Amino acid sequence: MKVRETPLPEGTLLAGLVAPQDFVDCYAGETPLDVETVVARATEFPAWVKGLLLLRALAVLPFKLKGRSTSGDRFGIFPVAGRAKDEILLGFDDRHLDFRISVLCRDNIAYAATWVRPHNLFGRVYLRLILPFHRWIMRDAVARAVTG
């Protein structure tokens, strides 16, 4: 299944958050699946992603960033931050940055968008360091989600 980078669709829960200095990207793939199924598949990470996430957790340990929350509605490691009929918003706010992942299923297309707002120098440096991995992981997550 071909995954393509695309602009953020209009009317998403993310749209009201985006400011000019924020990072936003969006990937899409064709699928007849509903949003719950797509999110569940996308957040079921393969071993190589789990390894990268473990490395990230160890690297930021000295900075006392928020870790995984164990309470509330969640998909994989991500807490649910909002819902609409055809969209699920995941993510949380932290000292160094706020982030959300929106998964929207509309007209047999699944869109996975990421929004990040860094709060300080550490947030901007962190975002720069993880971006190459982020893009790789998001493309893979969308591909796995839409093809099963």
N, C-alpha and C. Protein backbone atom coordinates (compact mmCIF):
# COMPACT_ATOMS: atom_id res chain seq x y z
N MET A 1 0.84 -1.19 0.00
CA MET A 1 0.00 0.00 0.00
C MET A 1 0.88 1.24 0.00
N LYS A 2 0.59 2.15 -0.90
CA LYS A 2 1.37 3.38 -1.00
C LYS A 2 0.91 4.38 0.06
N VAL A 3 1.87 4.89 0.81
CA VAL A 3 1.63 5.93 1.79
C VAL A 3 2.22 7.21 1.24
N ARG A 4 1.47 8.28 1.32
CA ARG A 4 1.95 9.55 0.77
C ARG A 4 1.87 10.66 1.82
N GLU A 5 2.78 11.60 1.72
CA GLU A 5 2.70 12.79 2.57
C GLU A 5 1.65 13.70 1.97
N THR A 6 0.86 14.33 2.82
CA THR A 6 -0.27 15.13 2.36
C THR A 6 -0.50 16.30 3.33
N PRO A 7 -1.15 17.36 2.88
CA PRO A 7 -1.49 18.43 3.81
C PRO A 7 -2.49 17.94 4.86
N LEU A 8 -2.52 18.61 5.98
CA LEU A 8 -3.49 18.31 7.03
C LEU A 8 -4.90 18.53 6.49
N PRO A 9 -5.78 17.53 6.59
CA PRO A 9 -7.14 17.72 6.09
C PRO A 9 -7.88 18.81 6.87
N GLU A 10 -8.80 19.47 6.21
CA GLU A 10 -9.60 20.51 6.87
C GLU A 10 -10.54 19.86 7.87
N GLY A 11 -10.83 20.61 8.93
CA GLY A 11 -11.81 20.17 9.90
C GLY A 11 -11.33 19.16 10.91
N THR A 12 -10.01 18.93 11.00
CA THR A 12 -9.51 17.97 11.99
C THR A 12 -9.46 18.63 13.37
N LEU A 13 -9.38 17.80 14.39
CA LEU A 13 -9.23 18.31 15.75
C LEU A 13 -7.92 19.07 15.92
N LEU A 14 -6.92 18.73 15.11
CA LEU A 14 -5.63 19.42 15.18
C LEU A 14 -5.68 20.84 14.63
N ALA A 15 -6.56 21.08 13.69
CA ALA A 15 -6.57 22.35 12.96
C ALA A 15 -6.60 23.56 13.89
N GLY A 16 -7.34 23.48 14.98
CA GLY A 16 -7.45 24.60 15.90
C GLY A 16 -6.21 24.83 16.76
N LEU A 17 -5.29 23.89 16.76
CA LEU A 17 -4.07 24.00 17.56
C LEU A 17 -2.91 24.63 16.81
N VAL A 18 -2.91 24.52 15.50
CA VAL A 18 -1.73 24.84 14.69
C VAL A 18 -1.46 26.35 14.64
N ALA A 19 -0.21 26.69 14.98
CA ALA A 19 0.29 28.06 14.86
C ALA A 19 1.50 28.02 13.92
N PRO A 20 1.90 29.18 13.37
CA PRO A 20 2.99 29.19 12.38
C PRO A 20 4.30 28.54 12.83
N GLN A 21 4.65 28.62 14.11
CA GLN A 21 5.93 28.07 14.56
C GLN A 21 5.87 26.57 14.86
N ASP A 22 4.71 25.96 14.78
CA ASP A 22 4.54 24.55 15.12
C ASP A 22 5.01 23.63 13.99
N PHE A 23 5.36 22.41 14.37
CA PHE A 23 5.66 21.36 13.40
C PHE A 23 4.38 20.57 13.15
N VAL A 24 4.06 20.36 11.87
CA VAL A 24 2.91 19.54 11.49
C VAL A 24 3.30 18.72 10.27
N ASP A 25 3.00 17.42 10.31
CA ASP A 25 3.11 16.61 9.10
C ASP A 25 1.93 15.66 9.06
N CYS A 26 1.69 15.10 7.88
CA CYS A 26 0.53 14.23 7.72
C CYS A 26 0.83 13.21 6.61
N TYR A 27 0.45 11.97 6.88
CA TYR A 27 0.62 10.87 5.93
C TYR A 27 -0.73 10.20 5.73
N ALA A 28 -0.96 9.68 4.53
CA ALA A 28 -2.26 9.08 4.22
C ALA A 28 -2.10 7.81 3.40
N GLY A 29 -3.07 6.93 3.56
CA GLY A 29 -3.13 5.70 2.79
C GLY A 29 -4.58 5.26 2.64
N GLU A 30 -4.88 4.58 1.56
CA GLU A 30 -6.25 4.12 1.31
C GLU A 30 -6.59 2.91 2.16
N THR A 31 -7.80 2.92 2.73
CA THR A 31 -8.28 1.79 3.52
C THR A 31 -9.78 1.91 3.74
N PRO A 32 -10.48 0.78 3.80
CA PRO A 32 -11.90 0.81 4.14
C PRO A 32 -12.12 0.72 5.66
N LEU A 33 -11.05 0.64 6.44
CA LEU A 33 -11.16 0.39 7.88
C LEU A 33 -11.65 1.62 8.64
N ASP A 34 -12.27 1.36 9.81
CA ASP A 34 -12.73 2.45 10.68
C ASP A 34 -11.56 2.99 11.50
N VAL A 35 -11.76 4.16 12.09
CA VAL A 35 -10.69 4.86 12.79
C VAL A 35 -10.16 4.07 13.99
N GLU A 36 -11.02 3.39 14.73
CA GLU A 36 -10.57 2.61 15.90
C GLU A 36 -9.59 1.51 15.46
N THR A 37 -9.92 0.83 14.38
CA THR A 37 -9.07 -0.25 13.88
C THR A 37 -7.74 0.30 13.38
N VAL A 38 -7.79 1.40 12.65
CA VAL A 38 -6.56 2.01 12.12
C VAL A 38 -5.64 2.44 13.27
N VAL A 39 -6.21 3.10 14.29
CA VAL A 39 -5.39 3.55 15.42
C VAL A 39 -4.79 2.35 16.16
N ALA A 40 -5.59 1.33 16.38
CA ALA A 40 -5.09 0.13 17.08
C ALA A 40 -3.94 -0.50 16.31
N ARG A 41 -4.07 -0.60 15.00
CA ARG A 41 -3.00 -1.20 14.19
C ARG A 41 -1.76 -0.31 14.14
N ALA A 42 -1.97 1.00 14.01
CA ALA A 42 -0.84 1.93 13.90
C ALA A 42 -0.02 2.00 15.19
N THR A 43 -0.67 1.79 16.33
CA THR A 43 0.03 1.90 17.61
C THR A 43 0.54 0.56 18.13
N GLU A 44 0.40 -0.48 17.34
CA GLU A 44 0.98 -1.79 17.63
C GLU A 44 2.36 -1.83 16.98
N PHE A 45 3.35 -1.36 17.69
CA PHE A 45 4.66 -1.15 17.10
C PHE A 45 5.44 -2.45 16.91
N PRO A 46 6.18 -2.55 15.79
CA PRO A 46 7.09 -3.69 15.61
C PRO A 46 8.30 -3.54 16.53
N ALA A 47 9.09 -4.59 16.63
CA ALA A 47 10.24 -4.62 17.55
C ALA A 47 11.22 -3.48 17.30
N TRP A 48 11.49 -3.13 16.04
CA TRP A 48 12.48 -2.08 15.78
C TRP A 48 12.02 -0.72 16.31
N VAL A 49 10.70 -0.45 16.26
CA VAL A 49 10.18 0.81 16.81
C VAL A 49 10.23 0.77 18.33
N LYS A 50 9.86 -0.36 18.91
CA LYS A 50 9.94 -0.49 20.37
C LYS A 50 11.37 -0.27 20.85
N GLY A 51 12.34 -0.76 20.09
CA GLY A 51 13.75 -0.54 20.43
C GLY A 51 14.12 0.93 20.40
N LEU A 52 13.67 1.64 19.35
CA LEU A 52 13.94 3.08 19.26
C LEU A 52 13.28 3.84 20.41
N LEU A 53 12.06 3.45 20.77
CA LEU A 53 11.36 4.11 21.87
C LEU A 53 12.06 3.85 23.21
N LEU A 54 12.61 2.67 23.38
CA LEU A 54 13.36 2.37 24.59
C LEU A 54 14.63 3.22 24.65
N LEU A 55 15.33 3.34 23.53
CA LEU A 55 16.52 4.20 23.48
C LEU A 55 16.16 5.64 23.81
N ARG A 56 15.06 6.12 23.26
CA ARG A 56 14.59 7.48 23.54
C ARG A 56 14.30 7.64 25.03
N ALA A 57 13.61 6.68 25.62
CA ALA A 57 13.27 6.76 27.04
C ALA A 57 14.53 6.82 27.91
N LEU A 58 15.52 6.02 27.57
CA LEU A 58 16.77 6.02 28.33
C LEU A 58 17.54 7.33 28.14
N ALA A 59 17.54 7.85 26.92
CA ALA A 59 18.28 9.09 26.62
C ALA A 59 17.71 10.30 27.35
N VAL A 60 16.39 10.35 27.52
CA VAL A 60 15.78 11.52 28.15
C VAL A 60 15.53 11.34 29.64
N LEU A 61 15.89 10.19 30.19
CA LEU A 61 15.69 9.90 31.61
C LEU A 61 16.25 11.01 32.52
N PRO A 62 17.45 11.52 32.26
CA PRO A 62 17.98 12.58 33.14
C PRO A 62 17.17 13.88 33.10
N PHE A 63 16.35 14.07 32.07
CA PHE A 63 15.61 15.32 31.92
C PHE A 63 14.24 15.29 32.58
N LYS A 64 13.86 14.14 33.15
CA LYS A 64 12.60 13.98 33.88
C LYS A 64 11.39 14.40 33.06
N LEU A 65 11.35 13.93 31.83
CA LEU A 65 10.19 14.18 30.99
C LEU A 65 9.07 13.25 31.42
N LYS A 66 7.85 13.60 31.03
CA LYS A 66 6.73 12.73 31.34
C LYS A 66 6.95 11.38 30.68
N GLY A 67 6.65 10.35 31.40
CA GLY A 67 6.71 9.02 30.81
C GLY A 67 5.32 8.57 30.46
N ARG A 68 5.17 7.29 30.33
CA ARG A 68 3.87 6.72 30.05
C ARG A 68 2.94 6.92 31.22
N SER A 69 1.76 7.39 30.94
CA SER A 69 0.71 7.46 31.95
C SER A 69 0.01 6.10 31.96
N THR A 70 -0.39 5.65 33.12
CA THR A 70 -1.05 4.35 33.19
C THR A 70 -2.55 4.48 33.34
N SER A 71 -3.05 5.70 33.42
CA SER A 71 -4.49 5.87 33.61
C SER A 71 -5.14 6.43 32.35
N GLY A 72 -6.45 6.22 32.25
CA GLY A 72 -7.22 6.80 31.17
C GLY A 72 -7.24 5.96 29.91
N ASP A 73 -8.05 6.42 28.97
CA ASP A 73 -8.21 5.78 27.67
C ASP A 73 -6.93 5.96 26.88
N ARG A 74 -6.47 4.89 26.25
CA ARG A 74 -5.22 4.97 25.50
C ARG A 74 -5.18 3.94 24.38
N PHE A 75 -4.29 4.20 23.44
CA PHE A 75 -3.93 3.24 22.39
C PHE A 75 -2.43 3.08 22.48
N GLY A 76 -1.97 1.87 22.77
CA GLY A 76 -0.55 1.64 22.93
C GLY A 76 0.00 2.53 24.02
N ILE A 77 1.06 3.28 23.71
CA ILE A 77 1.69 4.15 24.71
C ILE A 77 1.05 5.54 24.76
N PHE A 78 0.08 5.82 23.90
CA PHE A 78 -0.45 7.17 23.78
C PHE A 78 -1.80 7.34 24.45
N PRO A 79 -1.94 8.35 25.34
CA PRO A 79 -3.24 8.64 25.91
C PRO A 79 -4.14 9.30 24.86
N VAL A 80 -5.44 9.05 24.97
CA VAL A 80 -6.42 9.68 24.08
C VAL A 80 -6.66 11.10 24.59
N ALA A 81 -6.49 12.08 23.71
CA ALA A 81 -6.65 13.48 24.07
C ALA A 81 -7.95 14.06 23.52
N GLY A 82 -8.62 13.34 22.62
CA GLY A 82 -9.87 13.83 22.05
C GLY A 82 -10.42 12.84 21.04
N ARG A 83 -11.70 13.00 20.76
CA ARG A 83 -12.37 12.12 19.80
C ARG A 83 -13.42 12.91 19.03
N ALA A 84 -13.61 12.51 17.79
CA ALA A 84 -14.71 12.97 16.96
C ALA A 84 -15.26 11.72 16.27
N LYS A 85 -16.28 11.89 15.46
CA LYS A 85 -16.92 10.74 14.82
C LYS A 85 -15.93 9.87 14.05
N ASP A 86 -15.06 10.51 13.29
CA ASP A 86 -14.13 9.77 12.42
C ASP A 86 -12.66 10.06 12.73
N GLU A 87 -12.39 10.54 13.95
CA GLU A 87 -11.03 10.95 14.31
C GLU A 87 -10.73 10.62 15.77
N ILE A 88 -9.50 10.21 16.02
CA ILE A 88 -9.00 10.02 17.38
C ILE A 88 -7.72 10.84 17.52
N LEU A 89 -7.65 11.60 18.60
CA LEU A 89 -6.50 12.46 18.88
C LEU A 89 -5.75 11.87 20.07
N LEU A 90 -4.45 11.63 19.88
CA LEU A 90 -3.60 11.06 20.92
C LEU A 90 -2.54 12.08 21.30
N GLY A 91 -1.98 11.95 22.52
CA GLY A 91 -0.86 12.79 22.89
C GLY A 91 -1.02 13.45 24.24
N PHE A 92 -0.04 14.30 24.59
CA PHE A 92 -0.06 15.00 25.86
C PHE A 92 0.87 16.21 25.81
N ASP A 93 0.80 17.00 26.88
CA ASP A 93 1.65 18.18 27.03
C ASP A 93 2.76 17.86 28.02
N ASP A 94 3.94 18.40 27.75
CA ASP A 94 5.08 18.20 28.64
C ASP A 94 5.81 19.53 28.78
N ARG A 95 6.83 19.57 29.63
CA ARG A 95 7.57 20.82 29.85
C ARG A 95 8.30 21.28 28.61
N HIS A 96 8.84 20.36 27.83
CA HIS A 96 9.66 20.75 26.68
C HIS A 96 8.85 20.92 25.40
N LEU A 97 7.73 20.21 25.28
CA LEU A 97 6.87 20.36 24.10
C LEU A 97 5.51 19.72 24.34
N ASP A 98 4.55 20.13 23.53
CA ASP A 98 3.23 19.49 23.48
C ASP A 98 3.16 18.75 22.16
N PHE A 99 2.50 17.58 22.16
CA PHE A 99 2.35 16.88 20.89
C PHE A 99 1.01 16.17 20.82
N ARG A 100 0.52 16.05 19.60
CA ARG A 100 -0.70 15.29 19.33
C ARG A 100 -0.49 14.52 18.04
N ILE A 101 -1.13 13.36 17.98
CA ILE A 101 -1.22 12.57 16.76
C ILE A 101 -2.70 12.43 16.47
N SER A 102 -3.10 12.86 15.30
CA SER A 102 -4.49 12.74 14.87
C SER A 102 -4.58 11.62 13.85
N VAL A 103 -5.52 10.72 14.05
CA VAL A 103 -5.83 9.71 13.04
C VAL A 103 -7.26 9.95 12.62
N LEU A 104 -7.44 10.23 11.34
CA LEU A 104 -8.73 10.56 10.76
C LEU A 104 -9.01 9.60 9.62
N CYS A 105 -10.18 8.99 9.61
CA CYS A 105 -10.59 8.12 8.49
C CYS A 105 -11.78 8.77 7.80
N ARG A 106 -11.56 9.14 6.54
CA ARG A 106 -12.59 9.85 5.79
C ARG A 106 -12.51 9.41 4.32
N ASP A 107 -13.65 9.03 3.77
CA ASP A 107 -13.73 8.66 2.34
C ASP A 107 -12.71 7.59 1.96
N ASN A 108 -12.61 6.54 2.79
CA ASN A 108 -11.70 5.41 2.55
C ASN A 108 -10.22 5.80 2.52
N ILE A 109 -9.89 6.88 3.21
CA ILE A 109 -8.49 7.28 3.36
C ILE A 109 -8.22 7.49 4.85
N ALA A 110 -7.12 6.91 5.32
CA ALA A 110 -6.68 7.12 6.70
C ALA A 110 -5.56 8.16 6.68
N TYR A 111 -5.74 9.21 7.47
CA TYR A 111 -4.74 10.27 7.62
C TYR A 111 -4.15 10.17 9.02
N ALA A 112 -2.84 10.22 9.13
CA ALA A 112 -2.17 10.27 10.43
C ALA A 112 -1.31 11.53 10.43
N ALA A 113 -1.69 12.47 11.28
CA ALA A 113 -1.00 13.76 11.34
C ALA A 113 -0.37 13.94 12.71
N THR A 114 0.77 14.59 12.74
CA THR A 114 1.46 14.89 13.99
C THR A 114 1.60 16.40 14.11
N TRP A 115 1.30 16.90 15.30
CA TRP A 115 1.47 18.31 15.64
C TRP A 115 2.40 18.39 16.85
N VAL A 116 3.41 19.26 16.78
CA VAL A 116 4.33 19.46 17.90
C VAL A 116 4.55 20.95 18.11
N ARG A 117 4.44 21.37 19.38
CA ARG A 117 4.76 22.76 19.74
C ARG A 117 5.86 22.73 20.81
N PRO A 118 7.10 23.02 20.40
CA PRO A 118 8.19 23.09 21.38
C PRO A 118 8.01 24.32 22.29
N HIS A 119 8.39 24.17 23.56
CA HIS A 119 8.26 25.28 24.52
C HIS A 119 9.57 25.98 24.81
N ASN A 120 10.68 25.33 24.49
CA ASN A 120 11.97 25.89 24.88
C ASN A 120 13.06 25.30 23.98
N LEU A 121 14.29 25.68 24.26
CA LEU A 121 15.42 25.21 23.44
C LEU A 121 15.50 23.68 23.46
N PHE A 122 15.32 23.07 24.61
CA PHE A 122 15.38 21.62 24.69
C PHE A 122 14.31 20.99 23.79
N GLY A 123 13.11 21.55 23.78
CA GLY A 123 12.05 21.03 22.92
C GLY A 123 12.39 21.14 21.44
N ARG A 124 12.99 22.26 21.05
CA ARG A 124 13.37 22.44 19.64
C ARG A 124 14.50 21.49 19.24
N VAL A 125 15.49 21.32 20.12
CA VAL A 125 16.60 20.39 19.83
C VAL A 125 16.07 18.96 19.78
N TYR A 126 15.25 18.60 20.74
CA TYR A 126 14.67 17.25 20.78
C TYR A 126 13.90 16.97 19.48
N LEU A 127 13.08 17.91 19.06
CA LEU A 127 12.30 17.72 17.83
C LEU A 127 13.22 17.52 16.64
N ARG A 128 14.26 18.32 16.52
CA ARG A 128 15.20 18.16 15.41
C ARG A 128 15.87 16.80 15.39
N LEU A 129 16.21 16.31 16.57
CA LEU A 129 16.90 15.02 16.67
C LEU A 129 15.99 13.85 16.31
N ILE A 130 14.72 13.94 16.69
CA ILE A 130 13.84 12.79 16.45
C ILE A 130 13.13 12.82 15.10
N LEU A 131 13.14 13.95 14.41
CA LEU A 131 12.38 14.06 13.15
C LEU A 131 12.69 12.98 12.12
N PRO A 132 13.94 12.66 11.84
CA PRO A 132 14.17 11.60 10.84
C PRO A 132 13.52 10.27 11.25
N PHE A 133 13.60 9.94 12.53
CA PHE A 133 12.99 8.70 13.02
C PHE A 133 11.47 8.80 13.00
N HIS A 134 10.97 9.98 13.38
CA HIS A 134 9.53 10.21 13.38
C HIS A 134 8.93 9.95 12.00
N ARG A 135 9.53 10.52 10.98
CA ARG A 135 9.00 10.35 9.62
C ARG A 135 9.00 8.88 9.20
N TRP A 136 10.05 8.19 9.53
CA TRP A 136 10.19 6.77 9.21
C TRP A 136 9.11 5.96 9.95
N ILE A 137 8.96 6.24 11.23
CA ILE A 137 7.98 5.52 12.05
C ILE A 137 6.55 5.81 11.58
N MET A 138 6.24 7.07 11.29
CA MET A 138 4.87 7.42 10.87
C MET A 138 4.50 6.78 9.53
N ARG A 139 5.40 6.83 8.57
CA ARG A 139 5.11 6.17 7.29
C ARG A 139 4.87 4.68 7.48
N ASP A 140 5.71 4.05 8.31
CA ASP A 140 5.55 2.63 8.58
C ASP A 140 4.24 2.35 9.31
N ALA A 141 3.89 3.19 10.28
CA ALA A 141 2.66 2.99 11.05
C ALA A 141 1.43 3.08 10.15
N VAL A 142 1.42 4.06 9.26
CA VAL A 142 0.28 4.19 8.33
C VAL A 142 0.23 2.98 7.40
N ALA A 143 1.36 2.58 6.87
CA ALA A 143 1.38 1.42 5.96
C ALA A 143 0.88 0.16 6.66
N ARG A 144 1.33 -0.08 7.90
CA ARG A 144 0.86 -1.26 8.64
C ARG A 144 -0.62 -1.17 8.96
N ALA A 145 -1.08 0.03 9.30
CA ALA A 145 -2.48 0.21 9.70
C ALA A 145 -3.45 -0.02 8.55
N VAL A 146 -3.09 0.45 7.37
CA VAL A 146 -4.04 0.36 6.25
C VAL A 146 -3.97 -0.97 5.51
N THR A 147 -2.89 -1.72 5.70
CA THR A 147 -2.78 -3.01 5.01
C THR A 147 -3.01 -4.20 5.93
N GLY A 148 -2.95 -3.97 7.22
CA GLY A 148 -3.17 -5.06 8.17
C GLY A 148 -1.96 -5.85 8.34
